[in-house]
Protein backbone atom coordinates (compact mmCIF):
# COMPACT_ATOMS: atom_id res chain seq x y z
CA MET A 1 0.00 0.00 0.00
CA PRO A 2 1.47 3.43 -0.88
CA ASP A 3 2.52 5.79 1.86
CA PRO A 4 -0.47 8.11 2.46
CA SER A 5 1.61 11.26 2.82
CA PRO A 6 4.59 12.92 1.14
CA THR A 7 8.02 12.06 2.49
CA ASP A 8 11.27 14.00 2.54
CA GLU A 9 12.40 11.84 -0.38
CA LEU A 10 9.90 13.41 -2.77
CA PRO A 11 11.42 16.20 -4.89
CA LEU A 12 9.03 18.96 -3.76
CA ALA A 13 8.52 17.85 -0.17
CA GLY A 14 8.33 20.90 2.11
CA ILE A 15 7.14 23.25 -0.67
CA ARG A 16 3.79 24.95 0.07
CA VAL A 17 1.71 26.13 -2.89
CA LEU A 18 -1.26 28.49 -2.70
CA GLU A 19 -3.64 28.02 -5.63
CA PHE A 20 -6.10 30.71 -6.71
CA GLY A 21 -7.68 29.29 -9.84
CA GLN A 22 -10.42 27.28 -11.48
CA MET A 23 -10.92 24.74 -14.26
CA ILE A 24 -7.74 23.27 -15.82
CA ALA A 25 -4.71 25.42 -16.75
CA LEU A 26 -3.76 26.38 -13.19
CA PRO A 27 -5.33 23.59 -11.05
CA ALA A 28 -3.79 20.90 -13.29
CA ALA A 29 -0.40 22.57 -12.81
CA THR A 30 -0.63 22.65 -9.01
CA HIS A 31 -1.97 19.09 -9.09
CA LEU A 32 1.23 18.01 -10.81
CA LEU A 33 3.34 19.94 -8.28
CA GLY A 34 1.41 18.08 -5.59
CA SER A 35 2.20 14.75 -7.20
CA TYR A 36 5.89 15.59 -6.75
CA GLY A 37 5.31 16.11 -3.04
CA ALA A 38 4.33 19.78 -2.69
CA GLU A 39 1.57 20.73 -0.25
CA VAL A 40 -1.19 22.49 -2.22
CA ILE A 41 -3.79 24.70 -0.53
CA LYS A 42 -6.67 25.47 -2.87
CA VAL A 43 -8.10 28.90 -2.00
CA GLU A 44 -11.73 29.11 -3.18
CA ASP A 45 -14.50 31.66 -2.83
CA VAL A 46 -17.39 31.20 -0.44
CA GLY A 47 -19.81 30.88 -3.36
CA PRO A 48 -19.84 27.81 -5.60
CA GLY A 49 -16.05 27.40 -5.63
CA ASP A 50 -14.23 25.82 -8.56
CA GLY A 51 -16.78 25.33 -11.34
CA LEU A 52 -14.98 22.16 -12.45
CA ARG A 53 -16.69 20.38 -9.54
CA TYR A 54 -19.92 20.41 -11.54
CA PHE A 55 -18.80 19.44 -15.08
CA GLY A 56 -19.36 15.96 -16.50
CA SER A 57 -19.86 12.67 -14.68
CA GLN A 58 -20.31 13.22 -10.95
CA LYS A 59 -21.53 11.82 -7.67
CA ASN A 60 -22.59 13.67 -4.52
CA GLY A 61 -21.74 17.04 -6.07
CA MET A 62 -18.19 16.20 -7.17
CA SER A 63 -17.19 15.41 -10.74
CA GLY A 64 -14.61 12.94 -11.93
CA TRP A 65 -13.04 15.77 -13.90
CA PHE A 66 -12.52 17.81 -10.71
CA ILE A 67 -10.97 14.83 -8.94
CA SER A 68 -8.48 14.37 -11.77
CA ALA A 69 -7.09 17.89 -11.31
CA ASN A 70 -7.33 18.19 -7.53
CA ASN A 71 -6.29 14.99 -5.77
CA GLY A 72 -4.32 15.57 -2.60
CA LYS A 73 -5.10 19.28 -2.22
CA ARG A 74 -6.62 20.98 0.80
CA SER A 75 -9.45 23.45 0.27
CA ILE A 76 -10.12 26.64 2.21
CA ALA A 77 -13.12 28.76 1.20
CA LEU A 78 -13.16 32.46 2.04
CA ASP A 79 -14.36 35.87 0.91
CA MET A 80 -11.28 37.42 -0.69
CA LYS A 81 -12.81 40.90 -0.64
CA SER A 82 -13.56 40.94 3.09
CA ASP A 83 -11.07 42.21 5.68
CA GLU A 84 -11.14 38.84 7.40
CA GLY A 85 -10.58 36.92 4.19
CA GLN A 86 -7.64 39.14 3.27
CA GLU A 87 -6.12 38.70 6.73
CA ILE A 88 -6.23 34.94 6.24
CA ILE A 89 -4.62 35.16 2.80
CA TRP A 90 -1.76 37.29 4.12
CA ARG A 91 -1.10 34.75 6.84
CA LEU A 92 -1.07 32.00 4.22
CA ILE A 93 1.35 34.03 2.10
CA ASP A 94 3.76 34.34 5.02
CA GLY A 95 4.33 30.57 4.98
CA ALA A 96 4.07 29.93 1.24
CA ASP A 97 6.72 29.10 -1.34
CA VAL A 98 4.51 29.46 -4.42
CA PHE A 99 1.57 31.79 -5.09
CA ALA A 100 -0.25 30.61 -8.23
CA GLU A 101 -3.16 32.61 -9.64
CA GLY A 102 -5.23 32.04 -12.75
CA PHE A 103 -7.22 35.24 -13.22
CA ARG A 104 -7.27 37.76 -16.04
CA ALA A 105 -4.64 40.51 -16.02
CA GLY A 106 -5.25 43.08 -13.30
CA VAL A 107 -7.70 41.07 -11.16
CA MET A 108 -5.22 40.20 -8.42
CA ASP A 109 -3.89 43.75 -8.31
CA ARG A 110 -7.42 45.05 -7.72
CA LEU A 111 -7.89 42.52 -4.91
CA GLY A 112 -4.65 43.70 -3.31
CA PHE A 113 -2.65 40.54 -4.00
CA GLY A 114 -0.68 41.46 -7.11
CA TYR A 115 2.95 40.47 -7.43
CA GLU A 116 4.39 43.70 -6.05
CA ALA A 117 2.30 43.54 -2.88
CA VAL A 118 2.86 39.82 -2.29
CA SER A 119 6.61 39.95 -2.96
CA ARG A 120 7.02 42.85 -0.52
CA ARG A 121 5.43 40.67 2.14
CA ASN A 122 7.35 37.50 1.16
CA PRO A 123 10.41 38.33 -1.01
CA LYS A 124 11.28 34.64 -1.56
CA ILE A 125 7.91 33.67 -2.98
CA VAL A 126 7.53 32.33 -6.53
CA TYR A 127 4.51 34.11 -7.97
CA CYS A 128 2.92 32.47 -11.03
CA SER A 129 0.36 34.35 -13.11
CA SER A 130 -1.47 32.00 -15.48
CA SER A 131 -3.85 33.61 -17.97
CA GLY A 132 -5.30 33.19 -21.43
CA PHE A 133 -3.52 36.01 -23.26
CA GLY A 134 -0.90 37.31 -20.82
CA PRO A 135 -0.51 40.63 -18.97
CA SER A 136 -0.44 42.96 -21.99
CA GLY A 137 -1.85 43.45 -25.46
CA PRO A 138 -5.37 44.15 -26.75
CA TYR A 139 -6.73 40.78 -25.57
CA ALA A 140 -5.24 40.80 -22.06
CA GLU A 141 -8.53 41.36 -20.24
CA ARG A 142 -10.71 39.17 -22.44
CA PRO A 143 -12.30 36.01 -21.01
CA VAL A 144 -10.88 32.88 -22.59
CA TYR A 145 -11.38 29.13 -22.65
CA ASP A 146 -9.55 26.29 -24.34
CA PRO A 147 -11.47 26.34 -27.69
CA LEU A 148 -10.55 30.00 -28.26
CA ILE A 149 -6.84 29.27 -27.88
CA GLN A 150 -7.19 26.23 -30.12
CA ALA A 151 -8.70 28.53 -32.74
CA MET A 152 -5.91 31.12 -32.45
CA ALA A 153 -2.78 28.98 -31.98
CA GLY A 154 -3.03 26.66 -34.97
CA TRP A 155 -4.62 23.67 -33.26
CA ALA A 156 -7.97 23.92 -35.09
CA GLY A 157 -6.52 24.97 -38.44
CA ILE A 158 -4.22 21.94 -38.69
CA GLN A 159 -7.02 19.52 -37.72
CA GLU A 160 -8.81 20.29 -40.97
CA GLN A 161 -11.34 17.67 -42.08
CA ASP A 162 -13.12 17.85 -45.43
CA GLY A 163 -11.93 21.43 -45.82
CA ARG A 164 -13.25 22.51 -42.42
CA PRO A 165 -11.13 23.36 -39.36
CA THR A 166 -12.07 21.42 -36.25
CA LEU A 167 -11.17 21.27 -32.57
CA VAL A 168 -9.04 18.67 -30.86
CA ARG A 169 -11.44 16.68 -28.67
CA GLY A 170 -9.56 17.46 -25.49
CA MET A 171 -8.51 20.51 -23.47
CA VAL A 172 -5.11 20.57 -25.15
CA ALA A 173 -4.48 24.32 -24.82
CA ASP A 174 -5.42 24.25 -21.14
CA LYS A 175 -3.18 21.27 -20.44
CA VAL A 176 -0.21 22.63 -22.41
CA GLY A 177 -0.66 25.79 -20.36
CA ALA A 178 -0.64 23.68 -17.18
CA TYR A 179 2.61 21.92 -18.04
CA THR A 180 4.21 25.22 -19.03
CA ASN A 181 3.16 26.66 -15.66
CA VAL A 182 4.87 23.74 -13.92
CA GLN A 183 8.08 24.23 -15.91
CA ALA A 184 8.17 27.93 -15.11
CA ILE A 185 7.50 27.37 -11.40
CA MET A 186 10.15 24.64 -11.19
CA ALA A 187 12.71 26.89 -12.90
CA ALA A 188 11.89 29.73 -10.48
CA LEU A 189 12.27 27.40 -7.49
CA ILE A 190 15.68 26.32 -8.78
CA LYS A 191 16.68 29.97 -9.16
CA ARG A 192 15.48 30.68 -5.62
CA GLY A 193 17.56 27.78 -4.33
CA ARG A 194 20.61 29.28 -6.02
CA THR A 195 20.06 32.99 -5.26
CA GLY A 196 17.49 33.12 -2.45
CA GLU A 197 15.31 35.38 -4.58
CA GLY A 198 11.68 34.96 -5.56
CA SER A 199 10.35 35.50 -9.09
CA HIS A 200 7.27 36.52 -11.03
CA VAL A 201 6.60 34.02 -13.81
CA GLN A 202 3.85 34.85 -16.30
CA VAL A 203 2.44 32.17 -18.56
CA SER A 204 -0.36 32.58 -21.08
CA MET A 205 -2.23 29.74 -22.74
CA LEU A 206 -1.68 31.42 -26.11
CA GLU A 207 2.08 31.67 -25.63
CA ALA A 208 2.31 28.09 -24.34
CA SER A 209 0.37 26.73 -27.32
CA LEU A 210 2.45 28.73 -29.82
CA GLN A 211 5.64 27.35 -28.29
CA PHE A 212 4.21 23.84 -28.31
CA ASN A 213 2.94 24.00 -31.89
CA TRP A 214 5.70 25.93 -33.63
CA SER A 215 8.05 23.14 -34.67
CA ASP A 216 5.45 21.09 -36.54
CA VAL A 217 2.08 22.84 -36.85
CA MET A 218 3.82 26.08 -37.90
CA MET A 219 6.65 24.44 -39.86
CA ASP A 220 5.79 26.46 -42.97
CA SER A 221 6.17 29.75 -41.08
CA THR A 222 9.76 29.28 -39.93
CA LEU A 223 11.99 29.60 -43.01
CA LEU A 224 11.64 33.12 -44.42
CA ASP A 225 14.19 33.41 -47.24
CA ASP A 226 12.80 33.48 -50.78
CA ASP A 227 14.90 30.48 -51.86
CA ALA A 228 13.60 28.21 -49.06
CA GLU A 229 11.87 25.09 -50.40
CA HIS A 230 8.41 24.84 -48.87
CA ARG A 231 6.81 21.42 -48.96
CA PRO A 232 3.24 20.44 -47.97
CA ASN A 233 2.74 20.36 -44.22
CA MET A 234 2.59 16.64 -43.48
CA LEU A 235 0.19 17.23 -40.59
CA LYS A 236 -2.46 18.38 -43.04
CA THR A 237 -2.67 14.83 -44.35
CA TYR A 238 -2.08 12.94 -41.09
CA ARG A 239 -4.61 10.19 -40.74
CA LEU A 240 -5.61 6.90 -39.17
CA TYR A 241 -6.14 3.79 -41.25
CA GLN A 242 -9.33 1.73 -41.38
CA CYS A 243 -9.17 -2.02 -41.05
CA SER A 244 -12.05 -4.45 -41.53
CA ASP A 245 -13.07 -4.19 -37.85
CA GLY A 246 -11.58 -0.95 -36.55
CA TRP A 247 -8.76 1.56 -36.95
CA VAL A 248 -4.99 1.62 -36.52
CA SER A 249 -2.24 4.22 -36.38
CA ILE A 250 0.86 3.47 -38.44
CA ALA A 251 4.06 5.51 -38.64
CA ALA A 252 6.18 3.99 -41.40
CA SER A 253 8.53 6.96 -41.42
CA THR A 254 11.93 5.63 -42.50
CA ASP A 255 12.79 4.04 -45.81
CA GLN A 256 13.35 0.69 -44.11
CA GLN A 257 10.06 0.87 -42.24
CA TRP A 258 8.16 1.50 -45.48
CA LYS A 259 9.81 -1.53 -47.09
CA SER A 260 9.15 -3.63 -43.98
CA MET A 261 5.48 -2.61 -44.00
CA CYS A 262 5.10 -3.82 -47.57
CA GLU A 263 6.82 -7.08 -46.67
CA GLY A 264 4.84 -7.57 -43.46
CA LEU A 265 1.50 -7.13 -45.21
CA ASP A 266 2.55 -9.18 -48.28
CA ARG A 267 2.15 -6.11 -50.49
CA MET A 268 5.45 -5.78 -52.27
CA ASP A 269 3.45 -4.62 -55.27
CA CYS A 270 3.05 -1.34 -53.38
CA TYR A 271 6.81 -1.11 -52.95
CA ALA A 272 7.14 -1.16 -56.71
CA GLU A 273 6.29 2.56 -56.79
CA GLU A 274 9.80 3.99 -56.79
CA ARG A 275 8.69 7.52 -55.89
CA PHE A 276 7.92 6.24 -52.38
CA HIS A 277 11.30 4.58 -51.81
CA THR A 278 12.76 7.65 -50.08
CA SER A 279 11.47 9.92 -47.35
CA ALA A 280 11.89 12.88 -49.71
CA GLY A 281 9.71 11.20 -52.29
CA ARG A 282 7.06 10.25 -49.78
CA GLY A 283 7.09 13.75 -48.35
CA ALA A 284 6.53 15.30 -51.75
CA ALA A 285 3.41 13.18 -52.34
CA LEU A 286 2.03 12.54 -48.85
CA ALA A 287 -1.64 12.45 -49.82
CA ALA A 288 -1.04 9.76 -52.42
CA PHE A 289 1.26 7.84 -50.08
CA PHE A 290 -1.30 7.79 -47.25
CA GLU A 291 -4.04 6.70 -49.65
CA LEU A 292 -1.85 3.80 -50.70
CA MET A 293 -1.41 2.82 -47.03
CA ASP A 294 -5.20 2.98 -46.66
CA SER A 295 -5.61 0.38 -49.38
CA MET A 296 -3.04 -1.92 -47.78
CA VAL A 297 -4.86 -2.49 -44.46
CA ILE A 298 -8.55 -2.27 -45.32
CA ASN A 299 -8.97 -6.05 -45.73
CA PHE A 300 -7.12 -6.98 -42.53
CA THR A 301 -8.43 -6.94 -38.96
CA VAL A 302 -6.85 -4.61 -36.43
CA ASP A 303 -5.18 -7.51 -34.63
CA GLU A 304 -3.75 -8.84 -37.89
CA VAL A 305 -2.25 -5.49 -38.85
CA VAL A 306 -0.80 -4.87 -35.39
CA ASP A 307 0.66 -8.39 -35.19
CA ARG A 308 2.14 -8.37 -38.71
CA LEU A 309 3.65 -4.90 -38.44
CA HIS A 310 4.95 -5.49 -34.94
CA LYS A 311 6.83 -8.55 -36.21
CA ALA A 312 8.14 -6.43 -39.09
CA ASP A 313 9.37 -3.77 -36.60
CA VAL A 314 7.05 -1.10 -38.02
CA PRO A 315 5.55 1.40 -35.49
CA VAL A 316 1.85 0.53 -35.16
CA ALA A 317 -0.93 0.79 -32.57
CA PRO A 318 -4.65 0.10 -32.41
CA VAL A 319 -7.01 3.06 -31.99
CA LEU A 320 -8.53 2.63 -28.52
CA ASP A 321 -11.68 4.29 -27.30
CA PRO A 322 -11.51 5.88 -23.82
CA GLN A 323 -13.01 2.79 -22.17
CA GLN A 324 -10.27 0.58 -23.65
CA VAL A 325 -7.29 2.75 -22.69
CA TYR A 326 -6.96 1.76 -19.05
CA ALA A 327 -7.26 -1.98 -19.92
CA ASP A 328 -4.44 -1.89 -22.48
CA LYS A 329 -1.73 -4.45 -21.73
CA GLN A 330 1.04 -1.84 -21.52
CA VAL A 331 -0.98 0.45 -19.24
CA VAL A 332 -1.78 -2.48 -16.92
CA ALA A 333 1.74 -3.94 -16.92
CA ALA A 334 3.35 -0.56 -16.14
CA GLY A 335 0.81 0.22 -13.41
CA LEU A 336 -0.01 3.57 -15.01
CA VAL A 337 -3.62 3.64 -13.74
CA GLU A 338 -4.77 2.93 -10.20
CA GLU A 339 -8.07 2.56 -8.36
CA PHE A 340 -8.90 3.89 -4.90
CA ASN A 341 -11.84 4.83 -2.69
CA HIS A 342 -12.89 8.49 -2.52
CA PRO A 343 -14.94 9.45 0.57
CA VAL A 344 -17.42 11.47 -1.54
CA THR A 345 -17.60 9.72 -4.90
CA GLY A 346 -16.76 6.11 -4.02
CA ARG A 347 -14.56 3.96 -6.22
CA VAL A 348 -12.33 6.04 -8.53
CA ARG A 349 -9.90 5.21 -11.33
CA GLN A 350 -6.96 7.62 -11.88
CA PRO A 351 -3.41 7.78 -13.31
CA ARG A 352 -0.74 7.18 -10.69
CA ALA A 353 1.12 10.08 -9.12
CA ALA A 354 3.93 11.47 -11.24
CA SER A 355 6.36 10.87 -8.37
CA GLY A 356 6.22 7.21 -9.33
CA TYR A 357 8.85 8.08 -11.89
CA PHE A 358 11.25 8.84 -9.03
CA GLY A 359 10.94 5.27 -7.76
CA LEU A 360 8.60 6.41 -4.99
CA ARG A 361 4.95 5.51 -4.58
CA TRP A 362 2.55 7.34 -2.34
CA GLU A 363 -1.15 8.06 -2.20
CA ARG A 364 -1.94 11.72 -2.83
CA GLY A 365 -5.20 11.62 -0.93
CA PRO A 366 -8.69 12.50 -2.18
CA ALA A 367 -9.76 15.69 -3.93
CA PRO A 368 -11.27 18.04 -1.33
CA ARG A 369 -14.84 19.09 -0.80
CA HIS A 370 -15.44 22.84 -1.12
CA GLY A 371 -13.95 24.35 2.04
CA GLU A 372 -13.24 20.94 3.55
CA HIS A 373 -10.08 22.08 5.33
CA THR A 374 -11.07 25.66 6.20
CA ARG A 375 -11.22 25.11 9.94
CA LYS A 376 -8.05 23.00 10.10
CA ILE A 377 -6.02 25.52 8.08
CA LEU A 378 -7.26 28.42 10.21
CA GLU A 379 -6.22 26.54 13.34
CA GLU A 380 -2.75 26.04 11.83
CA LEU A 381 -2.60 29.79 11.17
CA GLY A 382 -3.23 30.48 14.86
CA PHE A 383 -6.95 31.36 14.82
CA GLU A 384 -8.82 30.49 18.02
CA LYS A 385 -11.98 28.38 17.92
CA ASP A 386 -14.30 31.26 18.83
CA ARG A 387 -12.80 33.43 16.10
CA ILE A 388 -13.22 30.65 13.55
CA ASP A 389 -16.84 30.16 14.61
CA SER A 390 -17.53 33.87 14.15
CA LEU A 391 -15.89 33.87 10.71
CA VAL A 392 -18.08 30.96 9.64
CA SER A 393 -21.20 32.67 11.03
CA ALA A 394 -20.35 35.91 9.22
CA LYS A 395 -19.80 33.92 5.99
CA SER A 396 -16.31 35.34 5.69
CA VAL A 397 -15.20 31.71 5.38
CA LYS A 398 -17.00 28.51 4.51
CA GLN A 399 -16.54 25.11 6.11
CA ALA A 400 -17.77 22.03 4.22
CA LYS A 401 -20.57 20.21 6.02
């Protein structure tokens, strides 16, 4: 059974993170920091709290989506605009290593918790501002969600189907933003360890997606000289291949892999087309090449194609629906997905903590109810019982029932 609490062996053990955010881009980032051993305190409002609690499949008022981004956190609910709520936040800041906020530009400054104010109080703090468009520019104060960034950063345009742009069926811009937040926070913590100084890191979903997409999605926008040879963007013709009973993904990228695919499927007649013998030739006629691959697998079953191409050492995989992913042999053998009991939602299936990659296994603990740890955190901050009771009565804070 995994250890139920972080140990000193975990890479971020002893790091306290304050999270002021909702949905995915920021909470998913702090969730990952928590999986490396950081203590994460989720600061929510006294109203409905993080809206992600109510999206998608749920039980007893908590969604599976929320659990996936908030395991192991503690939740304190307070009124950030009240004097009492602000007093609590300042006390939390005094003991924090990371202050992570996910509001539009200017919101935290208006609340009194912008970087300048927070860093004066705690000069060693790493302050992360995660937003859609960043702190400046004509879009800085616009509301934004994942589909908007997909539309603006090349995601939708490269997913073109039948001449129409389409969205990736996943919160890719949010999650790329989350991982970029983690990288920036980690770098700032390393700098602090070297210099003793805090930092203000600012990450926008748009910037993160542009960085992520530039090498391939934007490959035609990199070389600017007139004599550069521009070839068709291979992603425009990326596809899956239909078998007699399902779909497969094949990546016969090298010259040898293409020859081996023809051999493995007993289709050396396809190899007779000399224009496809080299990667340059295949790249110059990708649409025709992919159509040829289509014709090669259509009469085989998925298992037959995967088995034949695996034996031929050609990269291949079956297309799994979401309900097949966690039962895949590799996922099971590597222990990538675990099951546990959540006190609110019951039995839950989740990916294992990222700290497993450090040779350590521990249970992060359940995702918190809204304001579940308000009273306990206030006690740790030195508030007396009577004061806490009065704060709850005045609705300056909220304690989960």
